[in-house]
Amino acid sequence: MSTISALVLAVATALPAAAPAPVPAGAEAILAEVGKPGASAVLVNVWATWCAPCREEFPDLLHVARELAPKGLRLVLVSVDFPGDEAETLSFLTSQGVDFPTFLRTGKDEAFVNGLEPQWSGAIPATFLYDANGKLVRFWEGKASYPVIKKRAQKALDTKETR
């Protein structure tokens, strides 16, 4: 094998697999995802690539999700990036190693916000934690750290059995 071929092969195998393209969804579709069977708790995070606190929080969300997935935690990521920014959204998800389906908010902001939680101001990042029955047990606006996210998710996991 030539040096160039070996180099191309090494680079190709070092690149992360592309994340699945986000699926367009309104609040109803996100809540339907929350209600799907198989989870003991569902963590929904609303974020955007242009939001610095969202980008900073993202690795901690993924760490908690991967750590608690065996206990039944499901992570649902919803980008609120602007139309036309899909390539940047997909690039960010790929860079973070996201290998599961995610969503891209559709529709009007107010309808999406009110559809998820009327008490939500619309600020991001926003995180919603649902129990095994699909009941919202907690939501918060702003960036949270790994220990905070993990503690909140673990508490939700400890309250109910899997659907």
N, C-alpha and C. Protein backbone atom coordinates (compact mmCIF):
# COMPACT_ATOMS: atom_id res chain seq x y z
N MET A 1 0.86 -1.17 0.00
CA MET A 1 0.00 0.00 0.00
C MET A 1 0.90 1.23 0.00
N SER A 2 0.56 2.19 -0.82
CA SER A 2 1.37 3.41 -0.89
C SER A 2 1.16 4.25 0.36
N THR A 3 2.06 5.16 0.60
CA THR A 3 1.97 6.05 1.74
C THR A 3 0.72 6.91 1.67
N ILE A 4 0.40 7.38 0.48
CA ILE A 4 -0.80 8.21 0.31
C ILE A 4 -2.05 7.40 0.60
N SER A 5 -2.13 6.18 0.09
CA SER A 5 -3.30 5.33 0.35
C SER A 5 -3.45 5.06 1.84
N ALA A 6 -2.33 4.80 2.51
CA ALA A 6 -2.38 4.55 3.95
C ALA A 6 -2.84 5.79 4.70
N LEU A 7 -2.39 6.96 4.27
CA LEU A 7 -2.79 8.20 4.91
C LEU A 7 -4.28 8.47 4.71
N VAL A 8 -4.76 8.27 3.49
CA VAL A 8 -6.19 8.46 3.20
C VAL A 8 -7.03 7.50 4.04
N LEU A 9 -6.60 6.26 4.13
CA LEU A 9 -7.31 5.27 4.94
C LEU A 9 -7.32 5.66 6.41
N ALA A 10 -6.20 6.13 6.92
CA ALA A 10 -6.11 6.53 8.33
C ALA A 10 -7.03 7.70 8.62
N VAL A 11 -7.07 8.68 7.74
CA VAL A 11 -7.94 9.84 7.93
C VAL A 11 -9.40 9.42 7.86
N ALA A 12 -9.75 8.59 6.90
CA ALA A 12 -11.13 8.15 6.73
C ALA A 12 -11.63 7.38 7.93
N THR A 13 -10.79 6.55 8.52
CA THR A 13 -11.24 5.77 9.68
C THR A 13 -11.25 6.60 10.95
N ALA A 14 -10.53 7.73 10.96
CA ALA A 14 -10.49 8.58 12.15
C ALA A 14 -11.68 9.53 12.20
N LEU A 15 -12.31 9.78 11.06
CA LEU A 15 -13.44 10.70 11.03
C LEU A 15 -14.67 10.06 11.67
N PRO A 16 -15.41 10.85 12.47
CA PRO A 16 -16.62 10.29 13.07
C PRO A 16 -17.69 10.05 12.01
N ALA A 17 -18.51 9.06 12.24
CA ALA A 17 -19.63 8.81 11.33
C ALA A 17 -20.58 10.00 11.40
N ALA A 18 -21.18 10.33 10.28
CA ALA A 18 -22.10 11.46 10.25
C ALA A 18 -23.32 11.15 11.11
N ALA A 19 -23.74 12.16 11.83
CA ALA A 19 -24.96 12.03 12.64
C ALA A 19 -26.16 11.92 11.71
N PRO A 20 -27.22 11.24 12.16
CA PRO A 20 -28.44 11.24 11.34
C PRO A 20 -28.98 12.67 11.20
N ALA A 21 -29.51 13.00 10.05
CA ALA A 21 -30.07 14.34 9.84
C ALA A 21 -31.25 14.55 10.79
N PRO A 22 -31.33 15.73 11.42
CA PRO A 22 -32.47 15.99 12.31
C PRO A 22 -33.79 15.93 11.55
N VAL A 23 -34.78 15.40 12.22
CA VAL A 23 -36.12 15.24 11.65
C VAL A 23 -36.95 16.48 12.00
N PRO A 24 -37.56 17.14 11.03
CA PRO A 24 -38.42 18.29 11.34
C PRO A 24 -39.58 17.86 12.24
N ALA A 25 -39.85 18.66 13.28
CA ALA A 25 -40.91 18.29 14.23
C ALA A 25 -41.42 19.51 14.98
N GLY A 26 -42.71 19.52 15.21
CA GLY A 26 -43.32 20.52 16.07
C GLY A 26 -43.43 19.96 17.48
N ALA A 27 -44.02 20.74 18.37
CA ALA A 27 -44.14 20.33 19.77
C ALA A 27 -44.89 19.00 19.91
N GLU A 28 -45.94 18.81 19.10
CA GLU A 28 -46.73 17.58 19.21
C GLU A 28 -45.87 16.35 18.91
N ALA A 29 -45.02 16.45 17.90
CA ALA A 29 -44.16 15.32 17.54
C ALA A 29 -43.12 15.06 18.63
N ILE A 30 -42.63 16.11 19.26
CA ILE A 30 -41.66 15.94 20.35
C ILE A 30 -42.34 15.25 21.53
N LEU A 31 -43.53 15.67 21.86
CA LEU A 31 -44.26 15.03 22.96
C LEU A 31 -44.61 13.58 22.62
N ALA A 32 -44.87 13.29 21.35
CA ALA A 32 -45.11 11.90 20.94
C ALA A 32 -43.85 11.08 21.13
N GLU A 33 -42.69 11.67 20.85
CA GLU A 33 -41.42 10.98 21.06
C GLU A 33 -41.22 10.70 22.56
N VAL A 34 -41.57 11.65 23.38
CA VAL A 34 -41.48 11.47 24.83
C VAL A 34 -42.35 10.29 25.27
N GLY A 35 -43.51 10.16 24.65
CA GLY A 35 -44.46 9.13 25.03
C GLY A 35 -44.17 7.74 24.50
N LYS A 36 -43.15 7.61 23.66
CA LYS A 36 -42.84 6.28 23.12
C LYS A 36 -42.42 5.35 24.25
N PRO A 37 -42.84 4.09 24.17
CA PRO A 37 -42.48 3.13 25.23
C PRO A 37 -41.00 2.81 25.26
N GLY A 38 -40.57 2.31 26.41
CA GLY A 38 -39.21 1.82 26.56
C GLY A 38 -38.31 2.65 27.43
N ALA A 39 -38.74 3.83 27.85
CA ALA A 39 -37.89 4.68 28.68
C ALA A 39 -38.44 4.78 30.09
N SER A 40 -37.55 4.87 31.04
CA SER A 40 -37.94 5.11 32.43
C SER A 40 -37.99 6.60 32.72
N ALA A 41 -37.29 7.39 31.90
CA ALA A 41 -37.32 8.85 31.97
C ALA A 41 -36.82 9.38 30.63
N VAL A 42 -37.29 10.57 30.27
CA VAL A 42 -36.90 11.18 29.00
C VAL A 42 -36.43 12.61 29.29
N LEU A 43 -35.24 12.91 28.78
CA LEU A 43 -34.65 14.24 28.92
C LEU A 43 -34.72 14.90 27.54
N VAL A 44 -35.47 15.98 27.43
CA VAL A 44 -35.59 16.73 26.17
C VAL A 44 -34.78 18.01 26.32
N ASN A 45 -33.87 18.23 25.39
CA ASN A 45 -33.06 19.44 25.43
C ASN A 45 -33.28 20.22 24.14
N VAL A 46 -33.61 21.52 24.30
CA VAL A 46 -33.81 22.41 23.17
C VAL A 46 -32.59 23.32 23.10
N TRP A 47 -31.95 23.35 21.94
CA TRP A 47 -30.65 23.99 21.80
C TRP A 47 -30.50 24.58 20.40
N ALA A 48 -29.40 25.29 20.17
CA ALA A 48 -29.06 25.80 18.83
C ALA A 48 -27.55 25.94 18.72
N THR A 49 -27.05 25.85 17.50
CA THR A 49 -25.62 25.97 17.28
C THR A 49 -25.11 27.38 17.58
N TRP A 50 -25.95 28.40 17.44
CA TRP A 50 -25.54 29.78 17.68
C TRP A 50 -25.60 30.16 19.16
N CYS A 51 -26.04 29.24 20.00
CA CYS A 51 -26.19 29.48 21.44
C CYS A 51 -24.96 28.93 22.18
N ALA A 52 -24.08 29.82 22.65
CA ALA A 52 -22.85 29.38 23.33
C ALA A 52 -23.13 28.49 24.54
N PRO A 53 -24.06 28.85 25.43
CA PRO A 53 -24.33 27.97 26.57
C PRO A 53 -24.85 26.59 26.15
N CYS A 54 -25.59 26.54 25.03
CA CYS A 54 -26.08 25.25 24.51
C CYS A 54 -24.90 24.37 24.11
N ARG A 55 -23.97 24.96 23.37
CA ARG A 55 -22.81 24.21 22.90
C ARG A 55 -21.94 23.75 24.07
N GLU A 56 -21.83 24.60 25.10
CA GLU A 56 -21.03 24.25 26.27
C GLU A 56 -21.67 23.10 27.06
N GLU A 57 -23.00 23.09 27.14
CA GLU A 57 -23.73 22.08 27.92
C GLU A 57 -23.80 20.74 27.20
N PHE A 58 -23.72 20.75 25.88
CA PHE A 58 -23.97 19.58 25.05
C PHE A 58 -23.17 18.34 25.46
N PRO A 59 -21.84 18.45 25.66
CA PRO A 59 -21.09 17.25 26.05
C PRO A 59 -21.57 16.65 27.38
N ASP A 60 -21.99 17.50 28.32
CA ASP A 60 -22.48 17.00 29.60
C ASP A 60 -23.81 16.27 29.44
N LEU A 61 -24.67 16.78 28.57
CA LEU A 61 -25.94 16.09 28.29
C LEU A 61 -25.68 14.70 27.71
N LEU A 62 -24.78 14.66 26.74
CA LEU A 62 -24.46 13.38 26.11
C LEU A 62 -23.82 12.42 27.10
N HIS A 63 -22.96 12.92 27.97
CA HIS A 63 -22.31 12.08 28.97
C HIS A 63 -23.35 11.47 29.91
N VAL A 64 -24.26 12.29 30.41
CA VAL A 64 -25.32 11.78 31.29
C VAL A 64 -26.19 10.78 30.55
N ALA A 65 -26.56 11.10 29.33
CA ALA A 65 -27.44 10.22 28.56
C ALA A 65 -26.79 8.86 28.33
N ARG A 66 -25.52 8.87 27.98
CA ARG A 66 -24.83 7.59 27.74
C ARG A 66 -24.63 6.81 29.03
N GLU A 67 -24.37 7.52 30.11
CA GLU A 67 -24.16 6.85 31.39
C GLU A 67 -25.46 6.24 31.94
N LEU A 68 -26.58 6.95 31.75
CA LEU A 68 -27.84 6.50 32.34
C LEU A 68 -28.76 5.78 31.36
N ALA A 69 -28.36 5.66 30.10
CA ALA A 69 -29.18 4.92 29.13
C ALA A 69 -29.45 3.49 29.58
N PRO A 70 -28.46 2.78 30.15
CA PRO A 70 -28.75 1.42 30.62
C PRO A 70 -29.81 1.36 31.72
N LYS A 71 -30.02 2.47 32.40
CA LYS A 71 -31.05 2.53 33.45
C LYS A 71 -32.38 3.02 32.90
N GLY A 72 -32.43 3.33 31.60
CA GLY A 72 -33.69 3.71 30.98
C GLY A 72 -33.85 5.16 30.59
N LEU A 73 -32.79 5.96 30.66
CA LEU A 73 -32.89 7.37 30.26
C LEU A 73 -32.79 7.48 28.75
N ARG A 74 -33.70 8.24 28.16
CA ARG A 74 -33.67 8.54 26.73
C ARG A 74 -33.45 10.04 26.57
N LEU A 75 -32.54 10.42 25.69
CA LEU A 75 -32.27 11.83 25.40
C LEU A 75 -32.90 12.19 24.07
N VAL A 76 -33.66 13.28 24.07
CA VAL A 76 -34.27 13.81 22.85
C VAL A 76 -33.71 15.21 22.64
N LEU A 77 -33.01 15.41 21.55
CA LEU A 77 -32.40 16.69 21.24
C LEU A 77 -33.22 17.40 20.17
N VAL A 78 -33.52 18.69 20.43
CA VAL A 78 -34.32 19.48 19.50
C VAL A 78 -33.57 20.76 19.17
N SER A 79 -33.11 20.88 17.93
CA SER A 79 -32.44 22.09 17.49
C SER A 79 -33.47 23.14 17.10
N VAL A 80 -33.20 24.36 17.50
CA VAL A 80 -34.04 25.48 17.07
C VAL A 80 -33.23 26.41 16.16
N ASP A 81 -32.26 25.80 15.45
CA ASP A 81 -31.49 26.57 14.48
C ASP A 81 -32.42 27.10 13.40
N PHE A 82 -31.96 28.15 12.74
CA PHE A 82 -32.76 28.81 11.73
C PHE A 82 -32.82 28.00 10.44
N PRO A 83 -33.91 28.12 9.69
CA PRO A 83 -33.98 27.45 8.38
C PRO A 83 -32.78 27.88 7.53
N GLY A 84 -32.18 26.91 6.86
CA GLY A 84 -30.99 27.18 6.07
C GLY A 84 -29.70 26.83 6.79
N ASP A 85 -29.78 26.60 8.10
CA ASP A 85 -28.59 26.26 8.90
C ASP A 85 -28.47 24.76 9.15
N GLU A 86 -29.20 23.95 8.39
CA GLU A 86 -29.20 22.51 8.62
C GLU A 86 -27.81 21.88 8.53
N ALA A 87 -26.98 22.36 7.60
CA ALA A 87 -25.64 21.79 7.44
C ALA A 87 -24.80 22.05 8.70
N GLU A 88 -24.91 23.24 9.25
CA GLU A 88 -24.17 23.56 10.48
C GLU A 88 -24.68 22.71 11.65
N THR A 89 -25.98 22.53 11.73
CA THR A 89 -26.57 21.70 12.79
C THR A 89 -26.04 20.28 12.68
N LEU A 90 -26.08 19.72 11.49
CA LEU A 90 -25.62 18.35 11.28
C LEU A 90 -24.12 18.22 11.56
N SER A 91 -23.36 19.21 11.17
CA SER A 91 -21.92 19.20 11.43
C SER A 91 -21.64 19.20 12.93
N PHE A 92 -22.38 20.02 13.68
CA PHE A 92 -22.19 20.05 15.13
C PHE A 92 -22.56 18.72 15.77
N LEU A 93 -23.69 18.17 15.38
CA LEU A 93 -24.12 16.87 15.92
C LEU A 93 -23.08 15.79 15.62
N THR A 94 -22.54 15.80 14.42
CA THR A 94 -21.51 14.83 14.05
C THR A 94 -20.26 15.02 14.90
N SER A 95 -19.85 16.28 15.10
CA SER A 95 -18.65 16.56 15.89
C SER A 95 -18.80 16.10 17.34
N GLN A 96 -20.05 16.03 17.81
CA GLN A 96 -20.31 15.61 19.18
C GLN A 96 -20.52 14.10 19.30
N GLY A 97 -20.50 13.40 18.16
CA GLY A 97 -20.66 11.95 18.17
C GLY A 97 -22.09 11.49 18.35
N VAL A 98 -23.05 12.33 18.00
CA VAL A 98 -24.46 11.96 18.12
C VAL A 98 -24.76 10.90 17.07
N ASP A 99 -25.27 9.77 17.52
CA ASP A 99 -25.53 8.66 16.61
C ASP A 99 -26.97 8.15 16.71
N PHE A 100 -27.85 9.02 17.18
CA PHE A 100 -29.26 8.66 17.34
C PHE A 100 -30.12 9.76 16.72
N PRO A 101 -31.39 9.48 16.46
CA PRO A 101 -32.25 10.49 15.83
C PRO A 101 -32.40 11.74 16.70
N THR A 102 -32.40 12.89 16.04
CA THR A 102 -32.63 14.18 16.70
C THR A 102 -33.69 14.93 15.91
N PHE A 103 -34.05 16.10 16.39
CA PHE A 103 -35.15 16.83 15.79
C PHE A 103 -34.78 18.28 15.52
N LEU A 104 -35.48 18.87 14.55
CA LEU A 104 -35.33 20.26 14.19
C LEU A 104 -36.71 20.90 14.29
N ARG A 105 -36.81 21.91 15.17
CA ARG A 105 -38.11 22.54 15.41
C ARG A 105 -38.69 23.14 14.15
N THR A 106 -39.98 22.91 13.95
CA THR A 106 -40.72 23.52 12.85
C THR A 106 -41.85 24.34 13.43
N GLY A 107 -42.42 25.20 12.61
CA GLY A 107 -43.56 26.01 13.04
C GLY A 107 -43.13 27.28 13.74
N LYS A 108 -44.11 27.97 14.23
CA LYS A 108 -43.88 29.25 14.89
C LYS A 108 -43.34 29.05 16.30
N ASP A 109 -42.47 29.96 16.69
CA ASP A 109 -41.83 29.87 18.01
C ASP A 109 -42.84 29.77 19.14
N GLU A 110 -43.82 30.65 19.15
CA GLU A 110 -44.78 30.69 20.25
C GLU A 110 -45.57 29.39 20.37
N ALA A 111 -45.98 28.84 19.26
CA ALA A 111 -46.73 27.59 19.28
C ALA A 111 -45.84 26.45 19.79
N PHE A 112 -44.57 26.45 19.40
CA PHE A 112 -43.65 25.41 19.86
C PHE A 112 -43.42 25.53 21.37
N VAL A 113 -43.13 26.73 21.82
CA VAL A 113 -42.88 26.98 23.25
C VAL A 113 -44.10 26.57 24.08
N ASN A 114 -45.26 27.08 23.72
CA ASN A 114 -46.47 26.78 24.48
C ASN A 114 -46.87 25.32 24.37
N GLY A 115 -46.55 24.70 23.25
CA GLY A 115 -46.85 23.29 23.08
C GLY A 115 -46.03 22.38 23.98
N LEU A 116 -44.79 22.78 24.28
CA LEU A 116 -43.95 21.99 25.18
C LEU A 116 -44.24 22.31 26.63
N GLU A 117 -44.29 23.60 26.97
CA GLU A 117 -44.52 24.01 28.36
C GLU A 117 -44.89 25.49 28.40
N PRO A 118 -46.13 25.80 28.74
CA PRO A 118 -46.56 27.20 28.76
C PRO A 118 -45.74 28.10 29.71
N GLN A 119 -45.12 27.51 30.72
CA GLN A 119 -44.31 28.30 31.66
C GLN A 119 -42.92 28.63 31.11
N TRP A 120 -42.55 27.98 30.01
CA TRP A 120 -41.24 28.21 29.40
C TRP A 120 -41.23 29.57 28.71
N SER A 121 -40.20 30.38 28.97
CA SER A 121 -40.08 31.70 28.36
C SER A 121 -39.64 31.63 26.90
N GLY A 122 -39.09 30.48 26.50
CA GLY A 122 -38.55 30.33 25.15
C GLY A 122 -37.04 30.46 25.13
N ALA A 123 -36.42 30.80 26.28
CA ALA A 123 -34.97 30.92 26.36
C ALA A 123 -34.33 29.54 26.19
N ILE A 124 -33.12 29.53 25.60
CA ILE A 124 -32.39 28.27 25.44
C ILE A 124 -30.99 28.44 26.02
N PRO A 125 -30.37 27.35 26.42
CA PRO A 125 -30.91 26.00 26.39
C PRO A 125 -32.08 25.85 27.35
N ALA A 126 -32.95 24.95 27.00
CA ALA A 126 -34.08 24.59 27.86
C ALA A 126 -34.14 23.07 27.92
N THR A 127 -34.33 22.57 29.13
CA THR A 127 -34.33 21.12 29.32
C THR A 127 -35.59 20.71 30.07
N PHE A 128 -36.22 19.66 29.57
CA PHE A 128 -37.48 19.15 30.11
C PHE A 128 -37.26 17.70 30.50
N LEU A 129 -37.65 17.35 31.69
CA LEU A 129 -37.45 16.00 32.19
C LEU A 129 -38.80 15.36 32.46
N TYR A 130 -39.03 14.24 31.81
CA TYR A 130 -40.31 13.52 31.91
C TYR A 130 -40.10 12.19 32.60
N ASP A 131 -41.11 11.76 33.36
CA ASP A 131 -41.02 10.45 34.02
C ASP A 131 -41.47 9.36 33.04
N ALA A 132 -41.53 8.14 33.54
CA ALA A 132 -41.87 6.99 32.70
C ALA A 132 -43.29 7.06 32.13
N ASN A 133 -44.14 7.86 32.75
CA ASN A 133 -45.52 8.01 32.26
C ASN A 133 -45.67 9.18 31.29
N GLY A 134 -44.56 9.84 30.97
CA GLY A 134 -44.61 10.98 30.07
C GLY A 134 -45.04 12.26 30.75
N LYS A 135 -45.03 12.29 32.07
CA LYS A 135 -45.41 13.48 32.83
C LYS A 135 -44.17 14.35 33.05
N LEU A 136 -44.31 15.64 32.75
CA LEU A 136 -43.22 16.57 32.98
C LEU A 136 -42.98 16.69 34.48
N VAL A 137 -41.78 16.34 34.91
CA VAL A 137 -41.46 16.41 36.34
C VAL A 137 -40.55 17.58 36.67
N ARG A 138 -39.87 18.13 35.66
CA ARG A 138 -39.01 19.27 35.91
C ARG A 138 -38.60 19.88 34.58
N PHE A 139 -38.46 21.21 34.59
CA PHE A 139 -37.85 21.85 33.43
C PHE A 139 -37.03 23.03 33.92
N TRP A 140 -35.99 23.33 33.17
CA TRP A 140 -35.16 24.47 33.53
C TRP A 140 -34.62 25.13 32.28
N GLU A 141 -34.38 26.41 32.43
CA GLU A 141 -33.79 27.21 31.36
C GLU A 141 -32.34 27.51 31.76
N GLY A 142 -31.48 27.57 30.77
CA GLY A 142 -30.09 27.87 31.02
C GLY A 142 -29.26 26.61 31.12
N LYS A 143 -27.96 26.82 31.04
CA LYS A 143 -26.99 25.72 31.05
C LYS A 143 -26.92 25.08 32.43
N ALA A 144 -26.86 23.76 32.43
CA ALA A 144 -26.66 23.00 33.68
C ALA A 144 -25.38 22.18 33.52
N SER A 145 -24.74 21.91 34.64
CA SER A 145 -23.50 21.13 34.63
C SER A 145 -23.80 19.64 34.68
N TYR A 146 -22.78 18.85 34.38
CA TYR A 146 -22.91 17.39 34.42
C TYR A 146 -23.49 16.90 35.75
N PRO A 147 -22.95 17.31 36.92
CA PRO A 147 -23.51 16.78 38.18
C PRO A 147 -24.99 17.14 38.38
N VAL A 148 -25.36 18.34 37.95
CA VAL A 148 -26.75 18.78 38.11
C VAL A 148 -27.67 17.98 37.19
N ILE A 149 -27.28 17.84 35.94
CA ILE A 149 -28.09 17.08 34.98
C ILE A 149 -28.23 15.64 35.46
N LYS A 150 -27.12 15.05 35.88
CA LYS A 150 -27.15 13.65 36.31
C LYS A 150 -28.05 13.47 37.53
N LYS A 151 -27.93 14.35 38.50
CA LYS A 151 -28.75 14.24 39.72
C LYS A 151 -30.24 14.33 39.38
N ARG A 152 -30.60 15.27 38.54
CA ARG A 152 -32.01 15.45 38.16
C ARG A 152 -32.52 14.26 37.37
N ALA A 153 -31.72 13.76 36.43
CA ALA A 153 -32.13 12.61 35.63
C ALA A 153 -32.24 11.37 36.49
N GLN A 154 -31.30 11.18 37.39
CA GLN A 154 -31.34 10.01 38.28
C GLN A 154 -32.58 10.03 39.16
N LYS A 155 -32.94 11.21 39.64
CA LYS A 155 -34.14 11.34 40.48
C LYS A 155 -35.39 10.93 39.69
N ALA A 156 -35.46 11.35 38.43
CA ALA A 156 -36.60 10.96 37.60
C ALA A 156 -36.61 9.47 37.34
N LEU A 157 -35.43 8.89 37.14
CA LEU A 157 -35.34 7.44 36.92
C LEU A 157 -35.76 6.66 38.16
N ASP A 158 -35.49 7.20 39.32
CA ASP A 158 -35.79 6.51 40.57
C ASP A 158 -37.27 6.53 40.93
N THR A 159 -38.07 7.35 40.23
CA THR A 159 -39.47 7.51 40.63
C THR A 159 -40.45 6.56 39.98
N LYS A 160 -40.15 6.08 38.80
CA LYS A 160 -41.14 5.26 38.06
C LYS A 160 -40.49 4.09 37.37
N GLU A 161 -41.30 3.12 37.00
CA GLU A 161 -40.84 1.97 36.21
C GLU A 161 -40.94 2.31 34.73
N THR A 162 -40.27 1.52 33.93
CA THR A 162 -40.30 1.69 32.47
C THR A 162 -41.71 1.49 31.92
N ARG A 163 -42.07 2.31 30.93
CA ARG A 163 -43.37 2.17 30.25
C ARG A 163 -43.42 0.87 29.51
